[in-house]
Amino acid sequence: MKTSPPRLPRHPAAAFGAAVLLILALSTVAMPSHATEEPEYQVVRQLADIEVRQYGAYAVAEVVVPGPASKAGGQAFPILAGYIFGKNKGERKFAMTAPVTQTAAPVKLEMTAPVTQTAAPGGFLVQFVLPRGVTAASAPEPLDARVQLREVMPAQVAVIRYSGFWSVSNDAKHLARLEAALRAANLAWTGEPVYSRYNAPFTPWFMRRNEIWLSMAPASTP
């Protein structure tokens, strides 16, 4: 996913990790009958354990929080989770004739994965992916002005997937492996790493799905 490219700390914050665990725990309770939805993609190139993925467009709800990095996830969670779980103006409906009036009830959206964090002007950008079929135009309007809705355009990203704890050493090791694989293949990337988290808190560390994404530079797309 090609999110905003400003610099990202070299490891995800502990508070961000705790917030994602809580988010996905809530989503698991809310959706016991099926897996958590994520954006659709196609693998266009395989480099050992590295995938180059083509993502289609999708919508996100995002917020910029002041940080620091260690507190950004905790700051963003109540804002974005509030929107997802009903702190909104209800589903948007467009009338075919006028006048038509309607008072919309708040809408609870299904949770998706992953949750990502990047550095941004003024702080840190944290994003929730909205459910498939929901666009920035059709999504419920946030009650909190800090929540912004945005379309993420189609993009290619190089991805390394790994398990284990969310630690500085684990993330740094896999980021180095991802960068080395891209250099060996003469592929260039742009921006800083995006750390993506997928699992609920009861997931054992050895079964967790963690990913690091690097946006592919245009000249390097297969």
N, C-alpha and C. Protein backbone atom coordinates (compact mmCIF):
# COMPACT_ATOMS: atom_id res chain seq x y z
N MET A 1 0.83 -1.19 0.00
CA MET A 1 0.00 0.00 0.00
C MET A 1 0.86 1.22 0.00
N LYS A 2 0.57 2.11 -0.81
CA LYS A 2 1.37 3.33 -0.89
C LYS A 2 0.72 4.40 -0.06
N THR A 3 1.13 4.47 1.18
CA THR A 3 0.62 5.49 2.06
C THR A 3 1.50 6.71 1.95
N SER A 4 1.18 7.75 2.70
CA SER A 4 1.97 8.96 2.67
C SER A 4 3.42 8.63 3.00
N PRO A 5 4.41 9.15 2.26
CA PRO A 5 5.77 8.68 2.38
C PRO A 5 6.66 9.32 3.41
N PRO A 6 6.17 10.21 4.33
CA PRO A 6 7.10 10.80 5.26
C PRO A 6 7.79 9.75 6.13
N ARG A 7 8.82 10.18 6.83
CA ARG A 7 9.69 9.23 7.52
C ARG A 7 8.97 8.51 8.64
N LEU A 8 9.37 7.26 8.82
CA LEU A 8 8.82 6.40 9.84
C LEU A 8 9.93 5.97 10.76
N PRO A 9 9.70 5.88 12.06
CA PRO A 9 10.73 5.39 12.95
C PRO A 9 11.14 3.99 12.55
N ARG A 10 12.33 3.60 12.88
CA ARG A 10 12.86 2.31 12.46
C ARG A 10 12.24 1.14 13.20
N HIS A 11 11.37 1.36 14.13
CA HIS A 11 10.66 0.26 14.77
C HIS A 11 9.31 0.76 15.22
N PRO A 12 8.25 -0.12 15.27
CA PRO A 12 6.93 0.32 15.71
C PRO A 12 6.91 0.57 17.19
N ALA A 13 6.11 1.49 17.63
CA ALA A 13 6.03 1.83 19.04
C ALA A 13 5.30 0.76 19.81
N ALA A 14 5.71 0.61 21.07
CA ALA A 14 5.05 -0.39 21.92
C ALA A 14 3.59 -0.06 22.11
N ALA A 15 3.28 1.22 22.28
CA ALA A 15 1.88 1.61 22.45
C ALA A 15 1.08 1.34 21.21
N PHE A 16 1.66 1.53 20.04
CA PHE A 16 0.98 1.22 18.79
C PHE A 16 0.65 -0.26 18.74
N GLY A 17 1.58 -1.09 19.15
CA GLY A 17 1.33 -2.52 19.17
C GLY A 17 0.19 -2.88 20.09
N ALA A 18 0.17 -2.29 21.29
CA ALA A 18 -0.91 -2.58 22.21
C ALA A 18 -2.25 -2.14 21.67
N ALA A 19 -2.27 -0.99 21.00
CA ALA A 19 -3.52 -0.50 20.42
C ALA A 19 -4.02 -1.42 19.33
N VAL A 20 -3.12 -1.89 18.47
CA VAL A 20 -3.54 -2.79 17.39
C VAL A 20 -4.08 -4.09 17.95
N LEU A 21 -3.43 -4.60 18.99
CA LEU A 21 -3.93 -5.83 19.61
C LEU A 21 -5.34 -5.64 20.13
N LEU A 22 -5.60 -4.51 20.77
CA LEU A 22 -6.93 -4.25 21.28
C LEU A 22 -7.93 -4.09 20.14
N ILE A 23 -7.54 -3.39 19.09
CA ILE A 23 -8.41 -3.20 17.93
C ILE A 23 -8.81 -4.55 17.34
N LEU A 24 -7.83 -5.41 17.11
CA LEU A 24 -8.11 -6.68 16.47
C LEU A 24 -8.83 -7.64 17.41
N ALA A 25 -8.62 -7.46 18.71
CA ALA A 25 -9.40 -8.25 19.67
C ALA A 25 -10.87 -7.89 19.55
N LEU A 26 -11.17 -6.59 19.46
CA LEU A 26 -12.55 -6.16 19.30
C LEU A 26 -13.13 -6.66 17.99
N SER A 27 -12.30 -6.64 16.93
CA SER A 27 -12.82 -7.10 15.64
C SER A 27 -13.10 -8.58 15.65
N THR A 28 -12.29 -9.35 16.41
CA THR A 28 -12.53 -10.79 16.49
C THR A 28 -13.82 -11.08 17.23
N VAL A 29 -14.08 -10.29 18.29
CA VAL A 29 -15.35 -10.46 19.00
C VAL A 29 -16.51 -10.10 18.10
N ALA A 30 -16.33 -9.04 17.29
CA ALA A 30 -17.42 -8.56 16.45
C ALA A 30 -17.67 -9.46 15.25
N MET A 31 -16.63 -10.20 14.79
CA MET A 31 -16.75 -10.99 13.59
C MET A 31 -16.24 -12.42 13.83
N PRO A 32 -16.94 -13.21 14.67
CA PRO A 32 -16.43 -14.53 15.01
C PRO A 32 -16.53 -15.53 13.88
N SER A 33 -17.34 -15.28 12.85
CA SER A 33 -17.64 -16.31 11.86
C SER A 33 -16.74 -16.26 10.64
N HIS A 34 -15.89 -15.21 10.50
CA HIS A 34 -15.05 -15.16 9.32
C HIS A 34 -13.79 -14.38 9.63
N ALA A 35 -12.80 -14.52 8.79
CA ALA A 35 -11.52 -13.88 9.00
C ALA A 35 -11.64 -12.38 8.82
N THR A 36 -10.71 -11.67 9.47
CA THR A 36 -10.68 -10.22 9.32
C THR A 36 -10.35 -9.85 7.88
N GLU A 37 -11.13 -8.96 7.32
CA GLU A 37 -10.95 -8.55 5.93
C GLU A 37 -9.71 -7.68 5.79
N GLU A 38 -9.05 -7.78 4.65
CA GLU A 38 -7.92 -6.93 4.34
C GLU A 38 -7.98 -6.52 2.87
N PRO A 39 -7.23 -5.51 2.47
CA PRO A 39 -7.29 -5.07 1.08
C PRO A 39 -6.85 -6.18 0.12
N GLU A 40 -7.46 -6.22 -1.05
CA GLU A 40 -7.10 -7.22 -2.05
C GLU A 40 -5.78 -6.84 -2.72
N TYR A 41 -5.01 -7.87 -3.05
CA TYR A 41 -3.76 -7.63 -3.76
C TYR A 41 -3.40 -8.85 -4.59
N GLN A 42 -2.48 -8.65 -5.53
CA GLN A 42 -1.91 -9.74 -6.31
C GLN A 42 -0.40 -9.71 -6.15
N VAL A 43 0.20 -10.89 -6.03
CA VAL A 43 1.65 -10.99 -5.97
C VAL A 43 2.17 -10.97 -7.41
N VAL A 44 2.96 -9.95 -7.75
CA VAL A 44 3.45 -9.80 -9.12
C VAL A 44 4.89 -10.27 -9.26
N ARG A 45 5.58 -10.45 -8.14
CA ARG A 45 6.95 -10.95 -8.19
C ARG A 45 7.31 -11.55 -6.83
N GLN A 46 8.07 -12.63 -6.85
CA GLN A 46 8.50 -13.30 -5.63
C GLN A 46 10.02 -13.29 -5.59
N LEU A 47 10.58 -12.84 -4.48
CA LEU A 47 12.03 -12.83 -4.25
C LEU A 47 12.30 -13.60 -2.97
N ALA A 48 12.40 -14.93 -3.10
CA ALA A 48 12.53 -15.78 -1.91
C ALA A 48 11.33 -15.52 -1.00
N ASP A 49 11.57 -15.01 0.21
CA ASP A 49 10.45 -14.78 1.13
C ASP A 49 9.90 -13.36 1.03
N ILE A 50 10.29 -12.63 -0.01
CA ILE A 50 9.80 -11.27 -0.24
C ILE A 50 8.76 -11.29 -1.35
N GLU A 51 7.65 -10.60 -1.15
CA GLU A 51 6.63 -10.46 -2.18
C GLU A 51 6.57 -9.02 -2.67
N VAL A 52 6.44 -8.85 -3.97
CA VAL A 52 6.07 -7.55 -4.53
C VAL A 52 4.59 -7.65 -4.86
N ARG A 53 3.79 -6.85 -4.21
CA ARG A 53 2.34 -6.91 -4.32
C ARG A 53 1.79 -5.70 -5.06
N GLN A 54 0.76 -5.97 -5.84
CA GLN A 54 -0.01 -4.90 -6.47
C GLN A 54 -1.33 -4.77 -5.71
N TYR A 55 -1.50 -3.65 -5.04
CA TYR A 55 -2.74 -3.37 -4.32
C TYR A 55 -3.65 -2.52 -5.19
N GLY A 56 -4.93 -2.80 -5.11
CA GLY A 56 -5.91 -1.94 -5.72
C GLY A 56 -6.22 -0.77 -4.81
N ALA A 57 -7.12 0.08 -5.27
CA ALA A 57 -7.51 1.23 -4.46
C ALA A 57 -8.38 0.76 -3.28
N TYR A 58 -8.29 1.45 -2.19
CA TYR A 58 -9.15 1.20 -1.04
C TYR A 58 -9.22 2.47 -0.21
N ALA A 59 -10.15 2.50 0.72
CA ALA A 59 -10.37 3.69 1.53
C ALA A 59 -9.84 3.47 2.94
N VAL A 60 -9.40 4.54 3.57
CA VAL A 60 -8.93 4.48 4.94
C VAL A 60 -9.56 5.59 5.75
N ALA A 61 -9.66 5.35 7.04
CA ALA A 61 -9.91 6.40 8.01
C ALA A 61 -8.58 6.64 8.72
N GLU A 62 -8.18 7.88 8.82
CA GLU A 62 -6.85 8.15 9.36
C GLU A 62 -6.89 9.36 10.27
N VAL A 63 -5.88 9.43 11.12
CA VAL A 63 -5.76 10.56 12.03
C VAL A 63 -4.28 10.83 12.25
N VAL A 64 -3.92 12.09 12.38
CA VAL A 64 -2.57 12.48 12.74
C VAL A 64 -2.57 12.83 14.23
N VAL A 65 -1.68 12.18 14.97
CA VAL A 65 -1.56 12.43 16.40
C VAL A 65 -0.16 12.96 16.68
N PRO A 66 0.02 13.69 17.77
CA PRO A 66 1.31 14.36 17.99
C PRO A 66 2.46 13.44 18.35
N GLY A 67 2.16 12.24 18.86
CA GLY A 67 3.24 11.36 19.27
C GLY A 67 3.76 11.76 20.65
N PRO A 68 4.97 11.33 21.00
CA PRO A 68 6.00 10.70 20.16
C PRO A 68 5.60 9.32 19.66
N ALA A 69 6.51 8.68 18.94
CA ALA A 69 6.21 7.39 18.32
C ALA A 69 5.73 6.37 19.34
N SER A 70 6.29 6.41 20.53
CA SER A 70 5.93 5.43 21.55
C SER A 70 4.51 5.58 22.05
N LYS A 71 3.87 6.75 21.78
CA LYS A 71 2.52 7.00 22.27
C LYS A 71 1.51 7.19 21.14
N ALA A 72 1.97 7.16 19.89
CA ALA A 72 1.09 7.49 18.77
C ALA A 72 -0.07 6.52 18.65
N GLY A 73 0.19 5.22 18.76
CA GLY A 73 -0.89 4.25 18.64
C GLY A 73 -1.94 4.42 19.71
N GLY A 74 -1.49 4.64 20.94
CA GLY A 74 -2.43 4.84 22.03
C GLY A 74 -3.24 6.10 21.87
N GLN A 75 -2.63 7.14 21.29
CA GLN A 75 -3.37 8.37 21.05
C GLN A 75 -4.40 8.20 19.95
N ALA A 76 -4.06 7.44 18.91
CA ALA A 76 -4.94 7.30 17.75
C ALA A 76 -6.09 6.34 18.00
N PHE A 77 -5.86 5.32 18.82
CA PHE A 77 -6.86 4.27 18.96
C PHE A 77 -8.24 4.77 19.37
N PRO A 78 -8.38 5.53 20.46
CA PRO A 78 -9.74 5.94 20.84
C PRO A 78 -10.42 6.81 19.78
N ILE A 79 -9.63 7.54 19.00
CA ILE A 79 -10.21 8.41 17.98
C ILE A 79 -10.75 7.56 16.82
N LEU A 80 -9.91 6.67 16.27
CA LEU A 80 -10.33 5.88 15.12
C LEU A 80 -11.31 4.78 15.51
N ALA A 81 -11.09 4.14 16.64
CA ALA A 81 -12.02 3.10 17.08
C ALA A 81 -13.39 3.70 17.36
N GLY A 82 -13.41 4.91 17.89
CA GLY A 82 -14.69 5.57 18.11
C GLY A 82 -15.45 5.74 16.81
N TYR A 83 -14.75 6.14 15.76
CA TYR A 83 -15.39 6.28 14.45
C TYR A 83 -15.89 4.94 13.93
N ILE A 84 -15.04 3.92 13.98
CA ILE A 84 -15.40 2.61 13.45
C ILE A 84 -16.60 2.02 14.20
N PHE A 85 -16.65 2.21 15.50
CA PHE A 85 -17.70 1.59 16.30
C PHE A 85 -18.91 2.49 16.53
N GLY A 86 -19.08 3.52 15.69
CA GLY A 86 -20.35 4.22 15.69
C GLY A 86 -20.32 5.71 15.94
N LYS A 87 -19.15 6.29 16.18
CA LYS A 87 -19.11 7.73 16.40
C LYS A 87 -19.05 8.43 15.06
N ASN A 88 -20.19 8.33 14.33
CA ASN A 88 -20.28 8.91 13.00
C ASN A 88 -21.71 9.34 12.75
N LYS A 89 -21.92 10.00 11.64
CA LYS A 89 -23.24 10.56 11.34
C LYS A 89 -24.15 9.62 10.58
N GLY A 90 -23.74 8.38 10.45
CA GLY A 90 -24.60 7.40 9.81
C GLY A 90 -24.30 7.24 8.34
N GLU A 91 -24.86 6.20 7.76
CA GLU A 91 -24.62 5.89 6.35
C GLU A 91 -25.13 7.01 5.46
N ARG A 92 -24.33 7.36 4.47
CA ARG A 92 -24.74 8.38 3.52
C ARG A 92 -25.66 7.78 2.47
N LYS A 93 -26.78 8.45 2.22
CA LYS A 93 -27.72 8.01 1.20
C LYS A 93 -27.98 9.18 0.27
N PHE A 94 -27.97 8.94 -1.01
CA PHE A 94 -28.18 9.99 -1.99
C PHE A 94 -29.55 9.82 -2.63
N ALA A 95 -30.41 10.81 -2.42
CA ALA A 95 -31.78 10.73 -2.91
C ALA A 95 -31.81 10.92 -4.42
N MET A 96 -32.74 10.20 -5.08
CA MET A 96 -32.90 10.36 -6.52
C MET A 96 -33.86 11.48 -6.85
N THR A 97 -34.70 11.86 -5.91
CA THR A 97 -35.61 13.00 -6.10
C THR A 97 -35.56 13.87 -4.86
N ALA A 98 -36.09 15.06 -4.98
CA ALA A 98 -36.09 15.97 -3.84
C ALA A 98 -37.48 16.59 -3.71
N PRO A 99 -37.87 17.02 -2.51
CA PRO A 99 -37.06 16.94 -1.29
C PRO A 99 -37.21 15.59 -0.60
N VAL A 100 -36.14 15.12 -0.03
CA VAL A 100 -36.16 13.93 0.81
C VAL A 100 -35.33 14.27 2.04
N THR A 101 -35.88 14.00 3.21
CA THR A 101 -35.12 14.25 4.43
C THR A 101 -34.96 12.93 5.17
N GLN A 102 -33.87 12.82 5.88
CA GLN A 102 -33.61 11.57 6.60
C GLN A 102 -32.66 11.86 7.75
N THR A 103 -32.96 11.27 8.89
CA THR A 103 -32.04 11.32 10.02
C THR A 103 -31.34 9.98 10.11
N ALA A 104 -30.04 9.98 9.89
CA ALA A 104 -29.29 8.72 9.84
C ALA A 104 -28.86 8.30 11.24
N ALA A 105 -28.92 7.01 11.48
CA ALA A 105 -28.44 6.46 12.74
C ALA A 105 -26.95 6.14 12.59
N PRO A 106 -26.19 6.18 13.67
CA PRO A 106 -24.78 5.83 13.60
C PRO A 106 -24.59 4.43 13.03
N VAL A 107 -23.51 4.25 12.29
CA VAL A 107 -23.21 2.98 11.64
C VAL A 107 -21.96 2.39 12.26
N LYS A 108 -22.03 1.11 12.59
CA LYS A 108 -20.85 0.38 13.07
C LYS A 108 -20.23 -0.35 11.90
N LEU A 109 -18.98 -0.05 11.61
CA LEU A 109 -18.28 -0.67 10.49
C LEU A 109 -17.53 -1.90 10.96
N GLU A 110 -17.41 -2.89 10.07
CA GLU A 110 -16.60 -4.05 10.39
C GLU A 110 -15.14 -3.65 10.41
N MET A 111 -14.37 -4.29 11.31
CA MET A 111 -12.95 -4.03 11.38
C MET A 111 -12.23 -4.78 10.27
N THR A 112 -11.13 -4.20 9.82
CA THR A 112 -10.29 -4.82 8.82
C THR A 112 -8.85 -4.79 9.31
N ALA A 113 -7.95 -5.35 8.55
CA ALA A 113 -6.54 -5.35 8.88
C ALA A 113 -5.76 -5.09 7.60
N PRO A 114 -4.53 -4.58 7.69
CA PRO A 114 -3.81 -4.26 8.92
C PRO A 114 -4.10 -2.85 9.40
N VAL A 115 -3.49 -2.51 10.54
CA VAL A 115 -3.44 -1.14 11.03
C VAL A 115 -2.00 -0.68 10.84
N THR A 116 -1.81 0.50 10.28
CA THR A 116 -0.46 0.97 9.97
C THR A 116 -0.17 2.30 10.63
N GLN A 117 1.11 2.56 10.82
CA GLN A 117 1.55 3.83 11.40
C GLN A 117 2.74 4.35 10.60
N THR A 118 2.72 5.63 10.24
CA THR A 118 3.83 6.29 9.58
C THR A 118 4.02 7.67 10.20
N ALA A 119 5.21 8.21 10.06
CA ALA A 119 5.44 9.58 10.50
C ALA A 119 4.83 10.53 9.48
N ALA A 120 4.39 11.68 9.96
CA ALA A 120 3.74 12.67 9.08
C ALA A 120 4.02 14.05 9.62
N PRO A 121 3.88 15.07 8.78
CA PRO A 121 4.05 16.44 9.28
C PRO A 121 3.12 16.69 10.46
N GLY A 122 3.67 17.13 11.55
CA GLY A 122 2.87 17.41 12.73
C GLY A 122 2.70 16.23 13.66
N GLY A 123 3.26 15.09 13.32
CA GLY A 123 3.13 13.95 14.22
C GLY A 123 3.22 12.62 13.50
N PHE A 124 2.28 11.73 13.79
CA PHE A 124 2.27 10.38 13.24
C PHE A 124 0.91 10.05 12.67
N LEU A 125 0.92 9.47 11.48
CA LEU A 125 -0.32 9.12 10.78
C LEU A 125 -0.66 7.66 11.05
N VAL A 126 -1.83 7.42 11.61
CA VAL A 126 -2.31 6.07 11.88
C VAL A 126 -3.56 5.85 11.04
N GLN A 127 -3.62 4.70 10.36
CA GLN A 127 -4.71 4.42 9.43
C GLN A 127 -5.43 3.13 9.78
N PHE A 128 -6.75 3.14 9.63
CA PHE A 128 -7.58 1.94 9.61
C PHE A 128 -8.08 1.77 8.17
N VAL A 129 -7.97 0.58 7.64
CA VAL A 129 -8.54 0.29 6.33
C VAL A 129 -10.05 0.09 6.48
N LEU A 130 -10.83 0.74 5.63
CA LEU A 130 -12.28 0.59 5.69
C LEU A 130 -12.71 -0.67 4.94
N PRO A 131 -13.87 -1.22 5.26
CA PRO A 131 -14.33 -2.46 4.62
C PRO A 131 -14.43 -2.34 3.11
N ARG A 132 -14.25 -3.45 2.44
CA ARG A 132 -14.31 -3.49 0.98
C ARG A 132 -15.68 -2.99 0.51
N GLY A 133 -15.66 -2.17 -0.52
CA GLY A 133 -16.91 -1.61 -1.03
C GLY A 133 -17.25 -0.26 -0.45
N VAL A 134 -16.58 0.12 0.65
CA VAL A 134 -16.79 1.44 1.24
C VAL A 134 -15.74 2.38 0.67
N THR A 135 -16.17 3.52 0.18
CA THR A 135 -15.26 4.53 -0.34
C THR A 135 -15.24 5.73 0.60
N ALA A 136 -14.29 6.61 0.36
CA ALA A 136 -14.25 7.82 1.17
C ALA A 136 -15.52 8.64 0.98
N ALA A 137 -16.12 8.55 -0.21
CA ALA A 137 -17.34 9.29 -0.48
C ALA A 137 -18.57 8.67 0.17
N SER A 138 -18.58 7.34 0.30
CA SER A 138 -19.77 6.66 0.82
C SER A 138 -19.67 6.33 2.30
N ALA A 139 -18.48 6.43 2.87
CA ALA A 139 -18.31 6.09 4.29
C ALA A 139 -19.06 7.07 5.17
N PRO A 140 -19.50 6.62 6.34
CA PRO A 140 -20.16 7.54 7.26
C PRO A 140 -19.27 8.73 7.60
N GLU A 141 -19.84 9.88 7.70
CA GLU A 141 -19.07 11.08 8.01
C GLU A 141 -18.67 11.08 9.48
N PRO A 142 -17.40 11.29 9.77
CA PRO A 142 -16.96 11.27 11.18
C PRO A 142 -17.58 12.43 11.97
N LEU A 143 -17.87 12.16 13.23
CA LEU A 143 -18.28 13.22 14.13
C LEU A 143 -17.07 13.98 14.65
N ASP A 144 -15.94 13.29 14.74
CA ASP A 144 -14.70 13.88 15.21
C ASP A 144 -13.95 14.45 14.00
N ALA A 145 -13.73 15.74 13.99
CA ALA A 145 -13.10 16.39 12.85
C ALA A 145 -11.66 15.94 12.63
N ARG A 146 -11.06 15.31 13.63
CA ARG A 146 -9.69 14.84 13.47
C ARG A 146 -9.61 13.62 12.57
N VAL A 147 -10.70 12.89 12.41
CA VAL A 147 -10.73 11.71 11.56
C VAL A 147 -10.94 12.15 10.12
N GLN A 148 -10.05 11.74 9.25
CA GLN A 148 -10.14 12.05 7.83
C GLN A 148 -10.35 10.77 7.03
N LEU A 149 -11.15 10.86 5.98
CA LEU A 149 -11.39 9.74 5.09
C LEU A 149 -10.64 9.99 3.79
N ARG A 150 -9.98 8.96 3.27
CA ARG A 150 -9.15 9.16 2.10
C ARG A 150 -9.09 7.90 1.26
N GLU A 151 -9.01 8.08 -0.05
CA GLU A 151 -8.80 6.97 -0.97
C GLU A 151 -7.30 6.75 -1.15
N VAL A 152 -6.86 5.52 -0.98
CA VAL A 152 -5.48 5.15 -1.26
C VAL A 152 -5.44 4.61 -2.68
N MET A 153 -4.61 5.20 -3.52
CA MET A 153 -4.56 4.82 -4.92
C MET A 153 -3.82 3.49 -5.11
N PRO A 154 -4.08 2.79 -6.21
CA PRO A 154 -3.37 1.53 -6.48
C PRO A 154 -1.85 1.75 -6.44
N ALA A 155 -1.15 0.77 -5.90
CA ALA A 155 0.30 0.91 -5.75
C ALA A 155 0.94 -0.46 -5.60
N GLN A 156 2.24 -0.50 -5.87
CA GLN A 156 3.03 -1.71 -5.64
C GLN A 156 3.91 -1.51 -4.42
N VAL A 157 3.95 -2.54 -3.59
CA VAL A 157 4.80 -2.50 -2.40
C VAL A 157 5.56 -3.81 -2.29
N ALA A 158 6.77 -3.73 -1.79
CA ALA A 158 7.54 -4.91 -1.46
C ALA A 158 7.29 -5.24 0.01
N VAL A 159 7.05 -6.51 0.29
CA VAL A 159 6.58 -6.91 1.62
C VAL A 159 7.39 -8.08 2.14
N ILE A 160 7.79 -7.99 3.38
CA ILE A 160 8.32 -9.14 4.08
C ILE A 160 7.37 -9.48 5.22
N ARG A 161 7.06 -10.74 5.33
CA ARG A 161 6.13 -11.22 6.36
C ARG A 161 6.90 -12.07 7.35
N TYR A 162 6.60 -11.89 8.62
CA TYR A 162 7.34 -12.62 9.65
C TYR A 162 6.50 -12.73 10.91
N SER A 163 6.89 -13.62 11.76
CA SER A 163 6.19 -13.82 13.03
C SER A 163 7.06 -13.27 14.16
N GLY A 164 6.62 -13.51 15.37
CA GLY A 164 7.42 -13.10 16.52
C GLY A 164 6.88 -11.87 17.21
N PHE A 165 7.61 -11.50 18.27
CA PHE A 165 7.22 -10.34 19.06
C PHE A 165 7.47 -9.04 18.32
N TRP A 166 6.76 -7.99 18.72
CA TRP A 166 6.96 -6.67 18.15
C TRP A 166 8.10 -6.01 18.91
N SER A 167 9.30 -6.24 18.45
CA SER A 167 10.47 -5.73 19.14
C SER A 167 11.37 -5.00 18.16
N VAL A 168 12.23 -4.16 18.70
CA VAL A 168 13.17 -3.41 17.88
C VAL A 168 14.05 -4.37 17.09
N SER A 169 14.57 -5.38 17.78
CA SER A 169 15.50 -6.30 17.11
C SER A 169 14.82 -7.14 16.04
N ASN A 170 13.61 -7.60 16.30
CA ASN A 170 12.89 -8.42 15.32
C ASN A 170 12.54 -7.61 14.08
N ASP A 171 12.05 -6.41 14.28
CA ASP A 171 11.70 -5.56 13.15
C ASP A 171 12.94 -5.14 12.36
N ALA A 172 13.98 -4.77 13.05
CA ALA A 172 15.20 -4.33 12.37
C ALA A 172 15.80 -5.46 11.54
N LYS A 173 15.78 -6.67 12.07
CA LYS A 173 16.32 -7.82 11.34
C LYS A 173 15.57 -8.04 10.04
N HIS A 174 14.25 -7.96 10.08
CA HIS A 174 13.47 -8.24 8.88
C HIS A 174 13.47 -7.05 7.91
N LEU A 175 13.56 -5.84 8.42
CA LEU A 175 13.72 -4.70 7.53
C LEU A 175 15.03 -4.81 6.75
N ALA A 176 16.09 -5.17 7.44
CA ALA A 176 17.39 -5.33 6.77
C ALA A 176 17.31 -6.42 5.70
N ARG A 177 16.60 -7.51 5.98
CA ARG A 177 16.46 -8.59 5.01
C ARG A 177 15.67 -8.13 3.78
N LEU A 178 14.62 -7.35 4.02
CA LEU A 178 13.81 -6.83 2.92
C LEU A 178 14.64 -5.89 2.05
N GLU A 179 15.35 -4.97 2.66
CA GLU A 179 16.15 -4.02 1.89
C GLU A 179 17.26 -4.73 1.11
N ALA A 180 17.88 -5.74 1.74
CA ALA A 180 18.96 -6.47 1.05
C ALA A 180 18.43 -7.22 -0.17
N ALA A 181 17.25 -7.80 -0.04
CA ALA A 181 16.66 -8.54 -1.16
C ALA A 181 16.33 -7.60 -2.32
N LEU A 182 15.85 -6.41 -2.02
CA LEU A 182 15.53 -5.45 -3.08
C LEU A 182 16.80 -4.94 -3.75
N ARG A 183 17.82 -4.69 -2.97
CA ARG A 183 19.08 -4.25 -3.58
C ARG A 183 19.66 -5.33 -4.49
N ALA A 184 19.59 -6.58 -4.03
CA ALA A 184 20.13 -7.68 -4.83
C ALA A 184 19.38 -7.83 -6.14
N ALA A 185 18.10 -7.48 -6.15
CA ALA A 185 17.29 -7.58 -7.36
C ALA A 185 17.29 -6.27 -8.15
N ASN A 186 18.10 -5.30 -7.72
CA ASN A 186 18.17 -4.00 -8.38
C ASN A 186 16.81 -3.31 -8.42
N LEU A 187 16.07 -3.42 -7.33
CA LEU A 187 14.77 -2.77 -7.21
C LEU A 187 14.89 -1.62 -6.21
N ALA A 188 14.35 -0.48 -6.57
CA ALA A 188 14.40 0.70 -5.71
C ALA A 188 13.06 0.92 -5.03
N TRP A 189 13.12 1.49 -3.87
CA TRP A 189 11.89 1.82 -3.14
C TRP A 189 11.91 3.29 -2.77
N THR A 190 10.76 3.78 -2.35
CA THR A 190 10.63 5.18 -1.97
C THR A 190 9.98 5.29 -0.61
N GLY A 191 10.36 6.30 0.15
CA GLY A 191 9.79 6.50 1.46
C GLY A 191 10.38 5.57 2.50
N GLU A 192 9.81 5.59 3.67
CA GLU A 192 10.27 4.80 4.79
C GLU A 192 9.36 3.60 5.03
N PRO A 193 9.78 2.65 5.84
CA PRO A 193 8.97 1.44 6.06
C PRO A 193 7.62 1.76 6.70
N VAL A 194 6.65 0.95 6.32
CA VAL A 194 5.33 0.97 6.96
C VAL A 194 5.19 -0.35 7.71
N TYR A 195 4.92 -0.28 9.00
CA TYR A 195 4.77 -1.47 9.82
C TYR A 195 3.30 -1.83 9.94
N SER A 196 2.96 -3.05 9.58
CA SER A 196 1.57 -3.49 9.50
C SER A 196 1.35 -4.66 10.44
N ARG A 197 0.28 -4.59 11.21
CA ARG A 197 -0.02 -5.60 12.23
C ARG A 197 -1.41 -6.18 11.99
N TYR A 198 -1.55 -7.48 12.22
CA TYR A 198 -2.78 -8.17 11.83
C TYR A 198 -3.49 -8.94 12.94
N ASN A 199 -2.86 -9.22 14.04
CA ASN A 199 -3.38 -10.26 14.93
C ASN A 199 -3.99 -9.75 16.22
N ALA A 200 -4.85 -10.60 16.77
CA ALA A 200 -5.48 -10.35 18.06
C ALA A 200 -4.52 -10.75 19.19
N PRO A 201 -4.76 -10.26 20.40
CA PRO A 201 -3.79 -10.44 21.49
C PRO A 201 -3.59 -11.88 21.94
N PHE A 202 -4.58 -12.75 21.70
CA PHE A 202 -4.41 -14.14 22.13
C PHE A 202 -3.61 -14.97 21.13
N THR A 203 -3.19 -14.38 20.02
CA THR A 203 -2.40 -15.11 19.03
C THR A 203 -1.00 -15.35 19.58
N PRO A 204 -0.55 -16.60 19.63
CA PRO A 204 0.81 -16.86 20.10
C PRO A 204 1.84 -16.13 19.24
N TRP A 205 2.95 -15.75 19.85
CA TRP A 205 3.95 -14.96 19.13
C TRP A 205 4.43 -15.66 17.87
N PHE A 206 4.50 -16.98 17.90
CA PHE A 206 5.03 -17.70 16.75
C PHE A 206 4.00 -17.85 15.63
N MET A 207 2.75 -17.45 15.88
CA MET A 207 1.71 -17.50 14.85
C MET A 207 1.30 -16.11 14.38
N ARG A 208 1.92 -15.09 14.89
CA ARG A 208 1.53 -13.73 14.53
C ARG A 208 1.97 -13.38 13.12
N ARG A 209 1.18 -12.58 12.47
CA ARG A 209 1.51 -12.06 11.15
C ARG A 209 1.91 -10.60 11.27
N ASN A 210 3.18 -10.36 11.08
CA ASN A 210 3.72 -9.01 11.04
C ASN A 210 4.25 -8.77 9.63
N GLU A 211 4.15 -7.55 9.16
CA GLU A 211 4.69 -7.22 7.84
C GLU A 211 5.36 -5.86 7.86
N ILE A 212 6.35 -5.71 6.99
CA ILE A 212 6.94 -4.41 6.69
C ILE A 212 6.74 -4.17 5.20
N TRP A 213 6.24 -2.99 4.86
CA TRP A 213 5.99 -2.62 3.47
C TRP A 213 6.95 -1.50 3.05
N LEU A 214 7.49 -1.63 1.85
CA LEU A 214 8.25 -0.55 1.22
C LEU A 214 7.60 -0.25 -0.13
N SER A 215 7.27 1.00 -0.35
CA SER A 215 6.64 1.40 -1.61
C SER A 215 7.67 1.35 -2.72
N MET A 216 7.32 0.70 -3.83
CA MET A 216 8.24 0.56 -4.94
C MET A 216 8.34 1.88 -5.72
N ALA A 217 9.57 2.23 -6.07
CA ALA A 217 9.77 3.40 -6.92
C ALA A 217 9.20 3.10 -8.30
N PRO A 218 8.64 4.09 -8.98
CA PRO A 218 7.98 3.85 -10.29
C PRO A 218 8.85 3.10 -11.28
N ALA A 219 10.14 3.41 -11.35
CA ALA A 219 11.01 2.76 -12.33
C ALA A 219 11.27 1.30 -12.00
N SER A 220 10.93 0.87 -10.77
CA SER A 220 11.23 -0.50 -10.33
C SER A 220 10.01 -1.42 -10.41
N THR A 221 8.85 -0.89 -10.74
CA THR A 221 7.66 -1.74 -10.77
C THR A 221 7.77 -2.74 -11.91
N PRO A 222 7.51 -4.04 -11.60
CA PRO A 222 7.63 -5.08 -12.63
C PRO A 222 6.69 -4.84 -13.80
